[in-house]
Amino acid sequence: MAPRNPLVLITIMLGAVSIASVAYVIVDLDTLFRGMIVVSSHPLRYALTALAR
């Protein structure tokens, strides 16, 4: 078996962290009105009232 290369292990770990971060952001943005990244509902409510006229 070949010896372990630290650069390869670091690259694999960075890739795993990147994939986990992307998955977290996708899940967090899927829930717009709660979570760490919160989007205000005021512009959407304003647009709906403007469309209802």
Protein backbone atom coordinates (compact mmCIF):
# COMPACT_ATOMS: atom_id res chain seq x y z
CA MET A 1 0.00 0.00 0.00
CA ALA A 2 1.30 3.48 -0.87
CA PRO A 3 2.10 5.97 1.91
CA ARG A 4 -0.50 8.62 2.65
CA ASN A 5 0.05 11.97 1.05
CA PRO A 6 -0.95 14.93 3.30
CA LEU A 7 -1.78 17.12 0.30
CA VAL A 8 -4.29 14.58 -0.98
CA LEU A 9 -5.93 14.29 2.44
CA ILE A 10 -6.20 18.08 2.77
CA THR A 11 -7.70 18.31 -0.73
CA ILE A 12 -10.27 15.65 0.06
CA MET A 13 -11.20 17.39 3.32
CA LEU A 14 -11.58 20.76 1.57
CA GLY A 15 -13.78 19.14 -1.05
CA ALA A 16 -15.96 17.56 1.63
CA VAL A 17 -16.30 20.88 3.48
CA SER A 18 -17.18 22.63 0.21
CA ILE A 19 -19.90 20.11 -0.62
CA ALA A 20 -21.31 20.29 2.90
CA SER A 21 -21.34 24.10 2.74
CA VAL A 22 -23.20 24.09 -0.57
CA ALA A 23 -25.76 21.63 0.79
CA TYR A 24 -26.27 23.84 3.86
CA VAL A 25 -26.76 26.99 1.79
CA ILE A 26 -29.25 25.23 -0.49
CA VAL A 27 -31.28 23.99 2.47
CA ASP A 28 -31.08 27.36 4.23
CA LEU A 29 -32.21 29.28 1.15
CA ASP A 30 -35.08 26.83 0.69
CA THR A 31 -36.57 28.16 3.94
CA LEU A 32 -36.59 31.90 3.21
CA PHE A 33 -38.42 33.24 6.24
CA ARG A 34 -36.52 31.35 8.93
CA GLY A 35 -32.97 30.16 9.43
CA MET A 36 -29.61 31.87 9.38
CA ILE A 37 -30.19 33.75 6.11
CA VAL A 38 -33.58 35.50 6.40
CA VAL A 39 -35.38 37.26 3.55
CA SER A 40 -37.89 39.98 4.36
CA SER A 41 -41.47 39.38 3.22
CA HIS A 42 -42.23 43.11 2.87
CA PRO A 43 -41.24 43.47 -0.83
CA LEU A 44 -43.31 40.42 -1.73
CA ARG A 45 -46.33 41.74 0.14
CA TYR A 46 -45.91 45.12 -1.59
CA ALA A 47 -45.77 43.45 -5.01
CA LEU A 48 -48.88 41.38 -4.26
CA THR A 49 -50.86 44.47 -3.24
CA ALA A 50 -49.72 46.25 -6.40
CA LEU A 51 -50.81 43.30 -8.53
CA ALA A 52 -54.18 43.09 -6.80
CA ARG A 53 -55.11 46.62 -7.91
